[in-house]
Protein backbone atom coordinates (compact mmCIF):
# COMPACT_ATOMS: atom_id res chain seq x y z
CA MET A 1 5.50 15.08 -4.65
CA LEU A 2 5.68 11.41 -5.54
CA ARG A 3 9.09 10.00 -4.69
CA ARG A 4 10.21 6.61 -5.92
CA ASP A 5 13.84 6.64 -4.97
CA GLY A 6 13.72 3.43 -2.93
CA GLY A 7 16.89 1.46 -2.60
CA ALA A 8 17.72 -2.13 -3.50
CA GLY A 9 15.77 -5.16 -2.22
CA GLY A 10 13.77 -5.43 0.95
CA GLU A 11 10.52 -4.01 2.24
CA ALA A 12 10.03 -0.25 2.01
CA LYS A 13 8.23 1.74 4.69
CA LEU A 14 5.97 4.44 3.29
CA ASP A 15 3.89 7.34 4.57
CA PHE A 16 0.74 7.07 2.43
CA ARG A 17 -0.94 10.34 1.52
CA GLU A 18 -4.13 11.00 -0.43
CA SER A 19 -2.52 11.20 -3.88
CA ASP A 20 1.06 10.07 -3.32
CA TYR A 21 3.38 8.60 -0.73
CA ARG A 22 6.66 9.47 0.97
CA ILE A 23 9.39 6.90 1.41
CA LEU A 24 10.40 6.58 5.05
CA LYS A 25 12.66 3.54 4.57
CA PRO A 26 13.93 2.67 1.07
CA GLY A 27 13.11 -0.72 -0.33
CA ALA A 28 11.89 -2.53 -3.43
CA TYR A 29 8.36 -3.42 -2.34
CA VAL A 30 5.56 -3.07 0.22
CA VAL A 31 3.25 -5.83 1.42
CA CYS A 32 -0.47 -5.87 0.61
CA ALA A 33 -2.49 -5.48 3.82
CA VAL A 34 -5.15 -7.92 2.55
CA SER A 35 -3.36 -10.62 0.55
CA GLY A 36 0.17 -10.44 1.91
CA LYS A 37 1.55 -10.19 -1.65
CA LYS A 38 4.73 -8.22 -2.25
CA ILE A 39 3.98 -5.14 -4.38
CA PRO A 40 6.94 -3.61 -6.25
CA LEU A 41 7.00 0.16 -5.70
CA GLU A 42 7.01 0.69 -9.48
CA THR A 43 3.55 -0.90 -9.70
CA LEU A 44 1.99 0.39 -6.46
CA SER A 45 -1.29 2.10 -7.37
CA TYR A 46 -3.69 1.32 -4.51
CA TRP A 47 -3.41 2.39 -0.87
CA SER A 48 -5.31 4.01 1.97
CA ALA A 49 -3.92 7.15 3.55
CA LYS A 50 -6.43 6.80 6.40
CA ARG A 51 -5.40 3.23 7.22
CA GLN A 52 -1.76 3.57 6.08
CA GLU A 53 -2.11 0.33 4.08
CA ALA A 54 -1.09 -0.78 0.61
CA TYR A 55 -3.22 -3.02 -1.62
CA ALA A 56 -2.16 -5.25 -4.53
CA GLY A 57 -5.14 -4.20 -6.67
CA PRO A 58 -8.81 -3.22 -6.79
CA ALA A 59 -9.96 -6.68 -5.67
CA GLU A 60 -8.02 -6.31 -2.41
CA VAL A 61 -9.45 -2.82 -1.86
CA ALA A 62 -12.96 -4.23 -2.33
CA ARG A 63 -12.25 -7.07 0.10
CA ARG A 64 -11.03 -4.60 2.73
CA LEU A 65 -14.10 -2.37 2.29
CA ASP A 66 -16.48 -5.36 2.32
CA GLY A 67 -14.91 -6.53 5.56
CA GLU A 68 -15.38 -3.12 7.15
CA ARG A 69 -19.02 -2.94 6.01
CA ALA A 70 -19.71 -6.37 7.48
CA ALA A 71 -18.13 -5.34 10.79
CA GLU A 72 -20.37 -2.24 10.97
CA LYS A 73 -23.58 -4.33 10.83
């Protein structure tokens, strides 16, 4: 079940799952693992359950995947 009952300001800590996330520490935002941008929980749409990372958008996801592909070569 998707829970978005984070508290007032500050960084939230989340447990990312395949199709939702669980709030471990309430907050207003998470930080993008690629860009460092603050992502308000209300707009969070991209994350990796495997890596336990949040992403600001599809461009950041692509950058993360491109970086992993380059490292595999």
